[in-house]
Amino acid sequence: MDGLFSDSQLSSPRIEPKPGQHVPAPLCFRRVKSKLPRAVVVEASNVLKMVGKPDGLWVGMYVTRCINGKVYAFMIEWHKHALSDNVPDGLKKWHRGVSVFEPE
């Protein structure tokens, strides 16, 4: 069950929410709060590479993947790290990132 979806933006393919604006979770999915398996982290990194390509993903879109028999949704969202986090300065401002969701 792999796919490319957007609940709210199929008719407006290049309109992104403003930086920092909340995007609802994919329908019937909830944010994963437990530690992610390595294979899921690797796939999240692969999904992030799809951002910014001419036919790629934008904020609010998500893809589903079945990894080790479990379905996950990988959604592009606005992310921002705390000023105290040990990350590059660019990541302390709003940037596109991937959040991982599981079926409810």
Protein backbone atom coordinates (compact mmCIF):
# COMPACT_ATOMS: atom_id res chain seq x y z
CA MET A 1 0.00 0.00 0.00
CA ASP A 2 2.26 2.76 -1.23
CA GLY A 3 0.84 5.98 -2.51
CA LEU A 4 1.00 9.74 -2.83
CA PHE A 5 -1.83 11.69 -1.25
CA SER A 6 -2.96 15.11 -0.15
CA ASP A 7 -6.24 15.45 1.72
CA SER A 8 -6.71 19.13 1.05
CA GLN A 9 -4.55 20.28 -1.83
CA LEU A 10 -5.17 18.06 -4.83
CA SER A 11 -6.91 20.91 -6.65
CA SER A 12 -4.18 23.45 -5.75
CA PRO A 13 -0.97 21.54 -6.30
CA ARG A 14 1.52 24.30 -5.55
CA ILE A 15 -0.14 26.26 -2.74
CA GLU A 16 1.62 25.60 0.55
CA PRO A 17 0.50 26.73 3.99
CA LYS A 18 2.53 29.65 5.32
CA PRO A 19 5.64 28.73 7.35
CA GLY A 20 4.59 27.62 10.80
CA GLN A 21 0.95 27.08 9.83
CA HIS A 22 -0.49 23.83 11.20
CA VAL A 23 -1.41 21.09 8.74
CA PRO A 24 -3.90 18.45 9.93
CA ALA A 25 -2.80 14.83 10.17
CA PRO A 26 -3.69 12.55 7.27
CA LEU A 27 -7.20 11.14 7.64
CA CYS A 28 -7.35 8.02 9.85
CA PHE A 29 -3.71 8.44 10.98
CA ARG A 30 -2.12 9.67 14.22
CA ARG A 31 1.39 10.95 14.87
CA VAL A 32 3.87 8.26 15.96
CA LYS A 33 5.08 9.06 19.47
CA SER A 34 7.26 6.01 20.08
CA LYS A 35 10.78 5.37 18.84
CA LEU A 36 10.79 4.68 15.12
CA PRO A 37 12.40 1.58 13.61
CA ARG A 38 15.55 2.32 11.61
CA ALA A 39 13.86 1.39 8.31
CA VAL A 40 11.17 4.03 8.95
CA VAL A 41 13.78 6.70 9.69
CA VAL A 42 15.59 5.83 6.46
CA GLU A 43 12.33 6.10 4.50
CA ALA A 44 11.55 9.48 6.11
CA SER A 45 14.92 10.70 4.84
CA ASN A 46 14.10 9.39 1.36
CA VAL A 47 10.72 11.14 1.41
CA LEU A 48 12.37 14.42 2.41
CA LYS A 49 14.48 14.20 -0.75
CA MET A 50 11.21 14.38 -2.76
CA VAL A 51 10.59 17.96 -1.58
CA GLY A 52 11.32 20.74 -4.05
CA LYS A 53 11.43 18.61 -7.19
CA PRO A 54 9.16 19.71 -10.06
CA ASP A 55 6.82 16.77 -9.51
CA GLY A 56 7.73 16.35 -5.84
CA LEU A 57 6.06 16.95 -2.51
CA TRP A 58 5.06 20.17 -0.78
CA VAL A 59 3.82 20.99 2.73
CA GLY A 60 0.59 19.15 3.48
CA MET A 61 1.24 16.23 1.14
CA TYR A 62 2.03 12.76 2.34
CA VAL A 63 3.04 9.38 1.02
CA THR A 64 2.21 6.01 2.51
CA ARG A 65 4.60 3.12 2.75
CA CYS A 66 4.30 -0.40 4.11
CA ILE A 67 7.46 -1.20 6.05
CA ASN A 68 7.90 -4.61 7.68
CA GLY A 69 4.15 -5.22 7.40
CA LYS A 70 3.08 -1.93 9.01
CA VAL A 71 1.63 1.08 7.16
CA TYR A 72 3.06 4.55 7.81
CA ALA A 73 2.22 7.97 6.40
CA PHE A 74 5.14 10.36 5.86
CA MET A 75 3.87 13.95 5.71
CA ILE A 76 5.73 17.10 4.78
CA GLU A 77 5.18 19.69 7.53
CA TRP A 78 6.77 22.89 8.73
CA HIS A 79 9.40 22.12 11.37
CA LYS A 80 11.46 24.36 13.63
CA HIS A 81 14.08 23.41 16.22
CA ALA A 82 14.55 25.21 19.53
CA LEU A 83 17.28 27.85 19.64
CA SER A 84 19.07 25.71 22.24
CA ASP A 85 19.15 22.60 20.00
CA ASN A 86 22.55 21.52 18.71
CA VAL A 87 21.60 21.81 15.02
CA PRO A 88 22.63 24.14 12.19
CA ASP A 89 21.14 27.65 12.48
CA GLY A 90 19.00 27.12 9.38
CA LEU A 91 17.06 24.39 11.18
CA LYS A 92 16.16 26.83 13.97
CA LYS A 93 13.96 28.69 11.47
CA TRP A 94 10.86 27.27 9.78
CA HIS A 95 11.82 24.61 7.24
CA ARG A 96 10.18 21.65 5.53
CA GLY A 97 10.50 18.37 7.36
CA VAL A 98 8.87 14.94 7.51
CA SER A 99 6.55 13.75 10.26
CA VAL A 100 5.59 10.08 10.58
CA PHE A 101 2.05 8.85 11.25
CA GLU A 102 0.47 5.44 11.86
CA PRO A 103 -3.11 4.24 11.37
CA GLU A 104 -5.54 5.04 14.20
